[in-house]
Amino acid sequence: MVVLILQRAPASLRGELSRWMIEPRAGVFVGNVSAMARDKLWEWVVRAAPEAGAVMVHSAQTEQGFRVRAYGDSTREIVGVEGLQLVHIPQRKRERDTKATDESAP
């Protein structure tokens, strides 16, 4: 199983991906493709849309049962800790988000 989430992706890229996977929500693709096809699709996404953000989650023989790949500008980072993939939100992003929320409150 493969889940691919795109942000700021051109319509042409989304259309091409819909040949291989279904798009149940805008920018979210789900499919069951071979490892080779999955890797080729990832290379194609990175090459075709350098300004886009992308996250791919796919089944793998790991403790968690999946792997995560991320590309592009994101407020979250994928980090490896003792064989596990975890999501890290950098401190400065959290501070900026908290400050913006505090300033918008009445």
PDB file of N, CA and C in Angstrom:
ATOM      1  N   MET A   1       0.845  -1.179   0.000  1.00  0.00           N
ATOM      2  CA  MET A   1       0.000   0.000   0.000  1.00  0.00           C
ATOM      3  C   MET A   1       0.890   1.242   0.000  1.00  0.00           C
ATOM      4  N   VAL A   2       0.517   2.215  -0.810  1.00  0.00           N
ATOM      5  CA  VAL A   2       1.263   3.468  -0.911  1.00  0.00           C
ATOM      6  C   VAL A   2       0.283   4.628  -0.764  1.00  0.00           C
ATOM      7  N   VAL A   3       0.650   5.608   0.056  1.00  0.00           N
ATOM      8  CA  VAL A   3      -0.113   6.848   0.191  1.00  0.00           C
ATOM      9  C   VAL A   3       0.840   7.987  -0.134  1.00  0.00           C
ATOM     10  N   LEU A   4       0.436   8.848  -1.054  1.00  0.00           N
ATOM     11  CA  LEU A   4       1.251   9.981  -1.479  1.00  0.00           C
ATOM     12  C   LEU A   4       0.428  11.245  -1.296  1.00  0.00           C
ATOM     13  N   ILE A   5       0.969  12.211  -0.559  1.00  0.00           N
ATOM     14  CA  ILE A   5       0.278  13.463  -0.288  1.00  0.00           C
ATOM     15  C   ILE A   5       1.093  14.589  -0.915  1.00  0.00           C
ATOM     16  N   LEU A   6       0.435  15.376  -1.770  1.00  0.00           N
ATOM     17  CA  LEU A   6       1.105  16.470  -2.474  1.00  0.00           C
ATOM     18  C   LEU A   6       0.525  17.811  -2.065  1.00  0.00           C
ATOM     19  N   GLN A   7       1.399  18.817  -1.982  1.00  0.00           N
ATOM     20  CA  GLN A   7       0.986  20.195  -1.742  1.00  0.00           C
ATOM     21  C   GLN A   7       1.555  21.042  -2.866  1.00  0.00           C
ATOM     22  N   ARG A   8       0.780  21.996  -3.336  1.00  0.00           N
ATOM     23  CA  ARG A   8       1.222  22.922  -4.384  1.00  0.00           C
ATOM     24  C   ARG A   8       1.711  22.192  -5.640  1.00  0.00           C
ATOM     25  N   ALA A   9       1.080  21.110  -5.977  1.00  0.00           N
ATOM     26  CA  ALA A   9       1.477  20.325  -7.154  1.00  0.00           C
ATOM     27  C   ALA A   9       0.672  20.776  -8.364  1.00  0.00           C
ATOM     28  N   PRO A  10       1.300  20.853  -9.520  1.00  0.00           N
ATOM     29  CA  PRO A  10       0.562  21.233 -10.731  1.00  0.00           C
ATOM     30  C   PRO A  10      -0.465  20.171 -11.119  1.00  0.00           C
ATOM     31  N   ALA A  11      -1.504  20.629 -11.793  1.00  0.00           N
ATOM     32  CA  ALA A  11      -2.580  19.716 -12.207  1.00  0.00           C
ATOM     33  C   ALA A  11      -2.052  18.608 -13.110  1.00  0.00           C
ATOM     34  N   SER A  12      -1.056  18.915 -13.926  1.00  0.00           N
ATOM     35  CA  SER A  12      -0.512  17.895 -14.829  1.00  0.00           C
ATOM     36  C   SER A  12       0.109  16.733 -14.051  1.00  0.00           C
ATOM     37  N   LEU A  13       0.782  17.030 -12.949  1.00  0.00           N
ATOM     38  CA  LEU A  13       1.376  15.984 -12.110  1.00  0.00           C
ATOM     39  C   LEU A  13       0.287  15.161 -11.451  1.00  0.00           C
ATOM     40  N   ARG A  14      -0.731  15.823 -10.941  1.00  0.00           N
ATOM     41  CA  ARG A  14      -1.844  15.096 -10.317  1.00  0.00           C
ATOM     42  C   ARG A  14      -2.543  14.199 -11.325  1.00  0.00           C
ATOM     43  N   GLY A  15      -2.715  14.689 -12.538  1.00  0.00           N
ATOM     44  CA  GLY A  15      -3.350  13.882 -13.577  1.00  0.00           C
ATOM     45  C   GLY A  15      -2.537  12.653 -13.935  1.00  0.00           C
ATOM     46  N   GLU A  16      -1.227  12.839 -14.014  1.00  0.00           N
ATOM     47  CA  GLU A  16      -0.351  11.709 -14.339  1.00  0.00           C
ATOM     48  C   GLU A  16      -0.376  10.660 -13.226  1.00  0.00           C
ATOM     49  N   LEU A  17      -0.354  11.110 -11.976  1.00  0.00           N
ATOM     50  CA  LEU A  17      -0.386  10.165 -10.854  1.00  0.00           C
ATOM     51  C   LEU A  17      -1.711   9.401 -10.798  1.00  0.00           C
ATOM     52  N   SER A  18      -2.789  10.038 -11.255  1.00  0.00           N
ATOM     53  CA  SER A  18      -4.095   9.362 -11.209  1.00  0.00           C
ATOM     54  C   SER A  18      -4.167   8.183 -12.171  1.00  0.00           C
ATOM     55  N   ARG A  19      -3.191   8.037 -13.057  1.00  0.00           N
ATOM     56  CA  ARG A  19      -3.117   6.848 -13.909  1.00  0.00           C
ATOM     57  C   ARG A  19      -2.688   5.622 -13.109  1.00  0.00           C
ATOM     58  N   TRP A  20      -1.937   5.847 -12.028  1.00  0.00           N
ATOM     59  CA  TRP A  20      -1.383   4.755 -11.236  1.00  0.00           C
ATOM     60  C   TRP A  20      -2.117   4.548  -9.916  1.00  0.00           C
ATOM     61  N   MET A  21      -2.718   5.610  -9.399  1.00  0.00           N
ATOM     62  CA  MET A  21      -3.318   5.567  -8.068  1.00  0.00           C
ATOM     63  C   MET A  21      -4.661   6.291  -8.115  1.00  0.00           C
ATOM     64  N   ILE A  22      -5.470   6.113  -7.080  1.00  0.00           N
ATOM     65  CA  ILE A  22      -6.709   6.873  -7.002  1.00  0.00           C
ATOM     66  C   ILE A  22      -6.459   8.120  -6.151  1.00  0.00           C
ATOM     67  N   GLU A  23      -7.281   9.142  -6.357  1.00  0.00           N
ATOM     68  CA  GLU A  23      -7.155  10.406  -5.630  1.00  0.00           C
ATOM     69  C   GLU A  23      -8.454  10.659  -4.862  1.00  0.00           C
ATOM     70  N   PRO A  24      -8.598  10.060  -3.643  1.00  0.00           N
ATOM     71  CA  PRO A  24      -9.848  10.214  -2.899  1.00  0.00           C
ATOM     72  C   PRO A  24     -10.100  11.636  -2.402  1.00  0.00           C
ATOM     73  N   ARG A  25      -9.054  12.399  -2.194  1.00  0.00           N
ATOM     74  CA  ARG A  25      -9.132  13.820  -1.831  1.00  0.00           C
ATOM     75  C   ARG A  25      -8.105  14.562  -2.684  1.00  0.00           C
ATOM     76  N   ALA A  26      -8.290  15.839  -2.855  1.00  0.00           N
ATOM     77  CA  ALA A  26      -7.350  16.621  -3.658  1.00  0.00           C
ATOM     78  C   ALA A  26      -5.940  16.510  -3.085  1.00  0.00           C
ATOM     79  N   GLY A  27      -5.005  16.053  -3.906  1.00  0.00           N
ATOM     80  CA  GLY A  27      -3.612  15.954  -3.491  1.00  0.00           C
ATOM     81  C   GLY A  27      -3.258  14.722  -2.688  1.00  0.00           C
ATOM     82  N   VAL A  28      -4.213  13.827  -2.441  1.00  0.00           N
ATOM     83  CA  VAL A  28      -3.960  12.588  -1.693  1.00  0.00           C
ATOM     84  C   VAL A  28      -4.163  11.416  -2.649  1.00  0.00           C
ATOM     85  N   PHE A  29      -3.114  10.627  -2.844  1.00  0.00           N
ATOM     86  CA  PHE A  29      -3.160   9.496  -3.763  1.00  0.00           C
ATOM     87  C   PHE A  29      -2.928   8.205  -2.998  1.00  0.00           C
ATOM     88  N   VAL A  30      -3.691   7.171  -3.334  1.00  0.00           N
ATOM     89  CA  VAL A  30      -3.585   5.876  -2.677  1.00  0.00           C
ATOM     90  C   VAL A  30      -3.529   4.801  -3.748  1.00  0.00           C
ATOM     91  N   GLY A  31      -2.623   3.846  -3.559  1.00  0.00           N
ATOM     92  CA  GLY A  31      -2.529   2.766  -4.525  1.00  0.00           C
ATOM     93  C   GLY A  31      -1.704   1.609  -4.014  1.00  0.00           C
ATOM     94  N   ASN A  32      -1.681   0.563  -4.808  1.00  0.00           N
ATOM     95  CA  ASN A  32      -0.908  -0.626  -4.495  1.00  0.00           C
ATOM     96  C   ASN A  32      -0.057  -0.929  -5.730  1.00  0.00           C
ATOM     97  N   VAL A  33       1.161  -0.398  -5.721  1.00  0.00           N
ATOM     98  CA  VAL A  33       2.063  -0.567  -6.863  1.00  0.00           C
ATOM     99  C   VAL A  33       3.310  -1.303  -6.403  1.00  0.00           C
ATOM    100  N   SER A  34       4.062  -1.820  -7.343  1.00  0.00           N
ATOM    101  CA  SER A  34       5.299  -2.524  -7.012  1.00  0.00           C
ATOM    102  C   SER A  34       6.321  -1.541  -6.434  1.00  0.00           C
ATOM    103  N   ALA A  35       7.344  -2.085  -5.784  1.00  0.00           N
ATOM    104  CA  ALA A  35       8.399  -1.247  -5.198  1.00  0.00           C
ATOM    105  C   ALA A  35       9.111  -0.449  -6.284  1.00  0.00           C
ATOM    106  N   MET A  36       9.345  -1.073  -7.433  1.00  0.00           N
ATOM    107  CA  MET A  36      10.016  -0.363  -8.513  1.00  0.00           C
ATOM    108  C   MET A  36       9.149   0.785  -9.028  1.00  0.00           C
ATOM    109  N   ALA A  37       7.866   0.532  -9.240  1.00  0.00           N
ATOM    110  CA  ALA A  37       6.963   1.586  -9.705  1.00  0.00           C
ATOM    111  C   ALA A  37       6.851   2.693  -8.663  1.00  0.00           C
ATOM    112  N   ARG A  38       6.772   2.333  -7.394  1.00  0.00           N
ATOM    113  CA  ARG A  38       6.708   3.310  -6.304  1.00  0.00           C
ATOM    114  C   ARG A  38       7.932   4.222  -6.324  1.00  0.00           C
ATOM    115  N   ASP A  39       9.118   3.645  -6.451  1.00  0.00           N
ATOM    116  CA  ASP A  39      10.351   4.434  -6.466  1.00  0.00           C
ATOM    117  C   ASP A  39      10.426   5.329  -7.703  1.00  0.00           C
ATOM    118  N   LYS A  40       9.993   4.833  -8.841  1.00  0.00           N
ATOM    119  CA  LYS A  40       9.987   5.631 -10.068  1.00  0.00           C
ATOM    120  C   LYS A  40       8.990   6.789  -9.950  1.00  0.00           C
ATOM    121  N   LEU A  41       7.813   6.525  -9.364  1.00  0.00           N
ATOM    122  CA  LEU A  41       6.833   7.590  -9.159  1.00  0.00           C
ATOM    123  C   LEU A  41       7.395   8.674  -8.234  1.00  0.00           C
ATOM    124  N   TRP A  42       8.097   8.262  -7.168  1.00  0.00           N
ATOM    125  CA  TRP A  42       8.688   9.230  -6.242  1.00  0.00           C
ATOM    126  C   TRP A  42       9.730  10.085  -6.963  1.00  0.00           C
ATOM    127  N   GLU A  43      10.602   9.454  -7.742  1.00  0.00           N
ATOM    128  CA  GLU A  43      11.610  10.201  -8.506  1.00  0.00           C
ATOM    129  C   GLU A  43      10.934  11.185  -9.460  1.00  0.00           C
ATOM    130  N   TRP A  44       9.866  10.750 -10.077  1.00  0.00           N
ATOM    131  CA  TRP A  44       9.149  11.582 -11.024  1.00  0.00           C
ATOM    132  C   TRP A  44       8.507  12.782 -10.321  1.00  0.00           C
ATOM    133  N   VAL A  45       7.899  12.576  -9.151  1.00  0.00           N
ATOM    134  CA  VAL A  45       7.289  13.661  -8.383  1.00  0.00           C
ATOM    135  C   VAL A  45       8.347  14.701  -8.020  1.00  0.00           C
ATOM    136  N   VAL A  46       9.477  14.259  -7.517  1.00  0.00           N
ATOM    137  CA  VAL A  46      10.555  15.171  -7.103  1.00  0.00           C
ATOM    138  C   VAL A  46      11.091  15.957  -8.306  1.00  0.00           C
ATOM    139  N   ARG A  47      11.246  15.299  -9.428  1.00  0.00           N
ATOM    140  CA  ARG A  47      11.788  15.944 -10.622  1.00  0.00           C
ATOM    141  C   ARG A  47      10.751  16.860 -11.287  1.00  0.00           C
ATOM    142  N   ALA A  48       9.495  16.437 -11.336  1.00  0.00           N
ATOM    143  CA  ALA A  48       8.465  17.172 -12.075  1.00  0.00           C
ATOM    144  C   ALA A  48       7.952  18.405 -11.344  1.00  0.00           C
ATOM    145  N   ALA A  49       8.059  18.427 -10.029  1.00  0.00           N
ATOM    146  CA  ALA A  49       7.500  19.547  -9.264  1.00  0.00           C
ATOM    147  C   ALA A  49       8.432  19.954  -8.129  1.00  0.00           C
ATOM    148  N   PRO A  50       9.548  20.613  -8.460  1.00  0.00           N
ATOM    149  CA  PRO A  50      10.507  20.976  -7.417  1.00  0.00           C
ATOM    150  C   PRO A  50       9.954  21.963  -6.399  1.00  0.00           C
ATOM    151  N   GLU A  51       8.901  22.717  -6.757  1.00  0.00           N
ATOM    152  CA  GLU A  51       8.313  23.670  -5.826  1.00  0.00           C
ATOM    153  C   GLU A  51       7.225  23.049  -4.946  1.00  0.00           C
ATOM    154  N   ALA A  52       6.848  21.841  -5.228  1.00  0.00           N
ATOM    155  CA  ALA A  52       5.789  21.166  -4.481  1.00  0.00           C
ATOM    156  C   ALA A  52       6.338  20.535  -3.206  1.00  0.00           C
ATOM    157  N   GLY A  53       5.440  20.243  -2.300  1.00  0.00           N
ATOM    158  CA  GLY A  53       5.779  19.475  -1.113  1.00  0.00           C
ATOM    159  C   GLY A  53       5.161  18.092  -1.264  1.00  0.00           C
ATOM    160  N   ALA A  54       5.863  17.059  -0.830  1.00  0.00           N
ATOM    161  CA  ALA A  54       5.354  15.701  -0.985  1.00  0.00           C
ATOM    162  C   ALA A  54       5.739  14.842   0.215  1.00  0.00           C
ATOM    163  N   VAL A  55       4.828  13.962   0.593  1.00  0.00           N
ATOM    164  CA  VAL A  55       5.079  12.961   1.625  1.00  0.00           C
ATOM    165  C   VAL A  55       4.556  11.639   1.095  1.00  0.00           C
ATOM    166  N   MET A  56       5.393  10.606   1.175  1.00  0.00           N
ATOM    167  CA  MET A  56       4.980   9.274   0.744  1.00  0.00           C
ATOM    168  C   MET A  56       5.119   8.323   1.926  1.00  0.00           C
ATOM    169  N   VAL A  57       4.080   7.557   2.165  1.00  0.00           N
ATOM    170  CA  VAL A  57       4.092   6.513   3.191  1.00  0.00           C
ATOM    171  C   VAL A  57       3.811   5.205   2.480  1.00  0.00           C
ATOM    172  N   HIS A  58       4.672   4.204   2.706  1.00  0.00           N
ATOM    173  CA  HIS A  58       4.453   2.922   2.044  1.00  0.00           C
ATOM    174  C   HIS A  58       4.792   1.765   2.976  1.00  0.00           C
ATOM    175  N   SER A  59       4.181   0.641   2.709  1.00  0.00           N
ATOM    176  CA  SER A  59       4.421  -0.572   3.491  1.00  0.00           C
ATOM    177  C   SER A  59       5.885  -0.968   3.384  1.00  0.00           C
ATOM    178  N   ALA A  60       6.438  -1.481   4.497  1.00  0.00           N
ATOM    179  CA  ALA A  60       7.835  -1.925   4.500  1.00  0.00           C
ATOM    180  C   ALA A  60       8.040  -2.921   5.633  1.00  0.00           C
ATOM    181  N   GLN A  61       9.097  -3.710   5.524  1.00  0.00           N
ATOM    182  CA  GLN A  61       9.443  -4.697   6.541  1.00  0.00           C
ATOM    183  C   GLN A  61      10.237  -4.008   7.664  1.00  0.00           C
ATOM    184  N   THR A  62       9.568  -3.189   8.449  1.00  0.00           N
ATOM    185  CA  THR A  62      10.189  -2.497   9.575  1.00  0.00           C
ATOM    186  C   THR A  62       9.360  -2.750  10.829  1.00  0.00           C
ATOM    187  N   GLU A  63       9.869  -2.308  11.962  1.00  0.00           N
ATOM    188  CA  GLU A  63       9.108  -2.451  13.206  1.00  0.00           C
ATOM    189  C   GLU A  63       7.758  -1.749  13.115  1.00  0.00           C
ATOM    190  N   GLN A  64       7.733  -0.600  12.450  1.00  0.00           N
ATOM    191  CA  GLN A  64       6.493   0.159  12.321  1.00  0.00           C
ATOM    192  C   GLN A  64       5.591  -0.383  11.213  1.00  0.00           C
ATOM    193  N   GLY A  65       6.152  -1.137  10.283  1.00  0.00           N
ATOM    194  CA  GLY A  65       5.380  -1.685   9.177  1.00  0.00           C
ATOM    195  C   GLY A  65       5.256  -0.734   7.995  1.00  0.00           C
ATOM    196  N   PHE A  66       5.932   0.414   8.066  1.00  0.00           N
ATOM    197  CA  PHE A  66       5.890   1.381   6.972  1.00  0.00           C
ATOM    198  C   PHE A  66       7.146   2.237   6.983  1.00  0.00           C
ATOM    199  N   ARG A  67       7.345   2.961   5.882  1.00  0.00           N
ATOM    200  CA  ARG A  67       8.415   3.953   5.759  1.00  0.00           C
ATOM    201  C   ARG A  67       7.783   5.262   5.303  1.00  0.00           C
ATOM    202  N   VAL A  68       8.442   6.360   5.641  1.00  0.00           N
ATOM    203  CA  VAL A  68       7.966   7.688   5.259  1.00  0.00           C
ATOM    204  C   VAL A  68       9.079   8.402   4.498  1.00  0.00           C
ATOM    205  N   ARG A  69       8.727   9.029   3.388  1.00  0.00           N
ATOM    206  CA  ARG A  69       9.646   9.880   2.629  1.00  0.00           C
ATOM    207  C   ARG A  69       9.016  11.268   2.572  1.00  0.00           C
ATOM    208  N   ALA A  70       9.827  12.291   2.666  1.00  0.00           N
ATOM    209  CA  ALA A  70       9.314  13.661   2.574  1.00  0.00           C
ATOM    210  C   ALA A  70      10.215  14.473   1.653  1.00  0.00           C
ATOM    211  N   TYR A  71       9.603  15.413   0.940  1.00  0.00           N
ATOM    212  CA  TYR A  71      10.338  16.266   0.020  1.00  0.00           C
ATOM    213  C   TYR A  71       9.708  17.652   0.032  1.00  0.00           C
ATOM    214  N   GLY A  72      10.530  18.674  -0.053  1.00  0.00           N
ATOM    215  CA  GLY A  72      10.044  20.040  -0.175  1.00  0.00           C
ATOM    216  C   GLY A  72       9.911  20.730   1.158  1.00  0.00           C
ATOM    217  N   ASP A  73       9.433  21.954   1.099  1.00  0.00           N
ATOM    218  CA  ASP A  73       9.270  22.778   2.290  1.00  0.00           C
ATOM    219  C   ASP A  73       8.125  22.242   3.146  1.00  0.00           C
ATOM    220  N   SER A  74       8.422  22.011   4.390  1.00  0.00           N
ATOM    221  CA  SER A  74       7.418  21.477   5.295  1.00  0.00           C
ATOM    222  C   SER A  74       7.689  21.988   6.702  1.00  0.00           C
ATOM    223  N   THR A  75       6.657  22.069   7.494  1.00  0.00           N
ATOM    224  CA  THR A  75       6.839  22.471   8.888  1.00  0.00           C
ATOM    225  C   THR A  75       7.234  21.281   9.748  1.00  0.00           C
ATOM    226  N   ARG A  76       7.255  20.105   9.157  1.00  0.00           N
ATOM    227  CA  ARG A  76       7.582  18.893   9.899  1.00  0.00           C
ATOM    228  C   ARG A  76       8.730  18.171   9.220  1.00  0.00           C
ATOM    229  N   GLU A  77       9.548  17.513  10.023  1.00  0.00           N
ATOM    230  CA  GLU A  77      10.680  16.751   9.511  1.00  0.00           C
ATOM    231  C   GLU A  77      10.537  15.296   9.941  1.00  0.00           C
ATOM    232  N   ILE A  78      10.952  14.386   9.079  1.00  0.00           N
ATOM    233  CA  ILE A  78      10.987  12.967   9.419  1.00  0.00           C
ATOM    234  C   ILE A  78      12.389  12.677   9.929  1.00  0.00           C
ATOM    235  N   VAL A  79      12.489  12.151  11.150  1.00  0.00           N
ATOM    236  CA  VAL A  79      13.792  11.840  11.740  1.00  0.00           C
ATOM    237  C   VAL A  79      13.819  10.367  12.150  1.00  0.00           C
ATOM    238  N   GLY A  80      14.985   9.769  12.054  1.00  0.00           N
ATOM    239  CA  GLY A  80      15.167   8.387  12.475  1.00  0.00           C
ATOM    240  C   GLY A  80      15.723   8.335  13.887  1.00  0.00           C
ATOM    241  N   VAL A  81      15.078   7.574  14.741  1.00  0.00           N
ATOM    242  CA  VAL A  81      15.527   7.405  16.124  1.00  0.00           C
ATOM    243  C   VAL A  81      15.476   5.919  16.450  1.00  0.00           C
ATOM    244  N   GLU A  82      16.656   5.317  16.602  1.00  0.00           N
ATOM    245  CA  GLU A  82      16.774   3.899  16.955  1.00  0.00           C
ATOM    246  C   GLU A  82      15.911   3.005  16.075  1.00  0.00           C
ATOM    247  N   GLY A  83      15.964   3.251  14.768  1.00  0.00           N
ATOM    248  CA  GLY A  83      15.248   2.422  13.816  1.00  0.00           C
ATOM    249  C   GLY A  83      13.798   2.803  13.590  1.00  0.00           C
ATOM    250  N   LEU A  84      13.301   3.808  14.294  1.00  0.00           N
ATOM    251  CA  LEU A  84      11.925   4.267  14.105  1.00  0.00           C
ATOM    252  C   LEU A  84      11.929   5.600  13.373  1.00  0.00           C
ATOM    253  N   GLN A  85      10.914   5.820  12.572  1.00  0.00           N
ATOM    254  CA  GLN A  85      10.756   7.111  11.917  1.00  0.00           C
ATOM    255  C   GLN A  85       9.734   7.917  12.701  1.00  0.00           C
ATOM    256  N   LEU A  86      10.157   9.105  13.119  1.00  0.00           N
ATOM    257  CA  LEU A  86       9.297   9.973  13.915  1.00  0.00           C
ATOM    258  C   LEU A  86       9.159  11.321  13.235  1.00  0.00           C
ATOM    259  N   VAL A  87       8.116  12.050  13.604  1.00  0.00           N
ATOM    260  CA  VAL A  87       7.890  13.382  13.065  1.00  0.00           C
ATOM    261  C   VAL A  87       8.395  14.397  14.081  1.00  0.00           C
ATOM    262  N   HIS A  88       9.201  15.343  13.600  1.00  0.00           N
ATOM    263  CA  HIS A  88       9.755  16.390  14.453  1.00  0.00           C
ATOM    264  C   HIS A  88       9.286  17.748  13.941  1.00  0.00           C
ATOM    265  N   ILE A  89       8.767  18.574  14.847  1.00  0.00           N
ATOM    266  CA  ILE A  89       8.398  19.940  14.503  1.00  0.00           C
ATOM    267  C   ILE A  89       9.465  20.839  15.112  1.00  0.00           C
ATOM    268  N   PRO A  90      10.268  21.515  14.284  1.00  0.00           N
ATOM    269  CA  PRO A  90      11.331  22.361  14.823  1.00  0.00           C
ATOM    270  C   PRO A  90      10.790  23.420  15.781  1.00  0.00           C
ATOM    271  N   GLN A  91      11.565  23.748  16.801  1.00  0.00           N
ATOM    272  CA  GLN A  91      11.140  24.675  17.845  1.00  0.00           C
ATOM    273  C   GLN A  91      10.735  26.033  17.274  1.00  0.00           C
ATOM    274  N   ARG A  92      11.508  26.583  16.370  1.00  0.00           N
ATOM    275  CA  ARG A  92      11.199  27.920  15.851  1.00  0.00           C
ATOM    276  C   ARG A  92       9.865  27.933  15.123  1.00  0.00           C
ATOM    277  N   LYS A  93       9.501  26.842  14.471  1.00  0.00           N
ATOM    278  CA  LYS A  93       8.196  26.767  13.807  1.00  0.00           C
ATOM    279  C   LYS A  93       7.086  26.754  14.848  1.00  0.00           C
ATOM    280  N   ARG A  94       7.277  25.990  15.921  1.00  0.00           N
ATOM    281  CA  ARG A  94       6.267  25.944  16.976  1.00  0.00           C
ATOM    282  C   ARG A  94       6.103  27.309  17.627  1.00  0.00           C
ATOM    283  N   GLU A  95       7.217  27.987  17.890  1.00  0.00           N
ATOM    284  CA  GLU A  95       7.151  29.308  18.511  1.00  0.00           C
ATOM    285  C   GLU A  95       6.429  30.296  17.607  1.00  0.00           C
ATOM    286  N   ARG A  96       6.741  30.273  16.310  1.00  0.00           N
ATOM    287  CA  ARG A  96       6.104  31.177  15.361  1.00  0.00           C
ATOM    288  C   ARG A  96       4.610  30.882  15.272  1.00  0.00           C
ATOM    289  N   ASP A  97       4.235  29.600  15.239  1.00  0.00           N
ATOM    290  CA  ASP A  97       2.831  29.225  15.163  1.00  0.00           C
ATOM    291  C   ASP A  97       2.091  29.639  16.434  1.00  0.00           C
ATOM    292  N   THR A  98       2.722  29.446  17.584  1.00  0.00           N
ATOM    293  CA  THR A  98       2.107  29.821  18.855  1.00  0.00           C
ATOM    294  C   THR A  98       1.931  31.334  18.934  1.00  0.00           C
ATOM    295  N   LYS A  99       2.947  32.081  18.507  1.00  0.00           N
ATOM    296  CA  LYS A  99       2.891  33.525  18.533  1.00  0.00           C
ATOM    297  C   LYS A  99       1.778  34.040  17.631  1.00  0.00           C
ATOM    298  N   ALA A 100       1.642  33.469  16.438  1.00  0.00           N
ATOM    299  CA  ALA A 100       0.602  33.884  15.511  1.00  0.00           C
ATOM    300  C   ALA A 100      -0.781  33.600  16.076  1.00  0.00           C
ATOM    301  N   THR A 101      -0.939  32.474  16.761  1.00  0.00           N
ATOM    302  CA  THR A 101      -2.216  32.125  17.381  1.00  0.00           C
ATOM    303  C   THR A 101      -2.535  33.084  18.512  1.00  0.00           C
ATOM    304  N   ASP A 102      -1.539  33.409  19.339  1.00  0.00           N
ATOM    305  CA  ASP A 102      -1.733  34.323  20.465  1.00  0.00           C
ATOM    306  C   ASP A 102      -2.113  35.713  19.979  1.00  0.00           C
ATOM    307  N   GLU A 103      -1.480  36.187  18.903  1.00  0.00           N
ATOM    308  CA  GLU A 103      -1.767  37.517  18.380  1.00  0.00           C
ATOM    309  C   GLU A 103      -3.141  37.605  17.744  1.00  0.00           C
ATOM    310  N   SER A 104      -3.646  36.509  17.211  1.00  0.00           N
ATOM    311  CA  SER A 104      -4.958  36.545  16.557  1.00  0.00           C
ATOM    312  C   SER A 104      -6.107  36.375  17.549  1.00  0.00           C
ATOM    313  N   ALA A 105      -5.784  35.967  18.770  1.00  0.00           N
ATOM    314  CA  ALA A 105      -6.835  35.791  19.783  1.00  0.00           C
ATOM    315  C   ALA A 105      -7.334  37.155  20.246  1.00  0.00           C
ATOM    316  N   PRO A 106      -8.657  37.285  20.491  1.00  0.00           N
ATOM    317  CA  PRO A 106      -9.221  38.584  20.925  1.00  0.00           C
ATOM    318  C   PRO A 106      -8.807  38.963  22.321  1.00  0.00           C
TER     319      PRO A 106
END
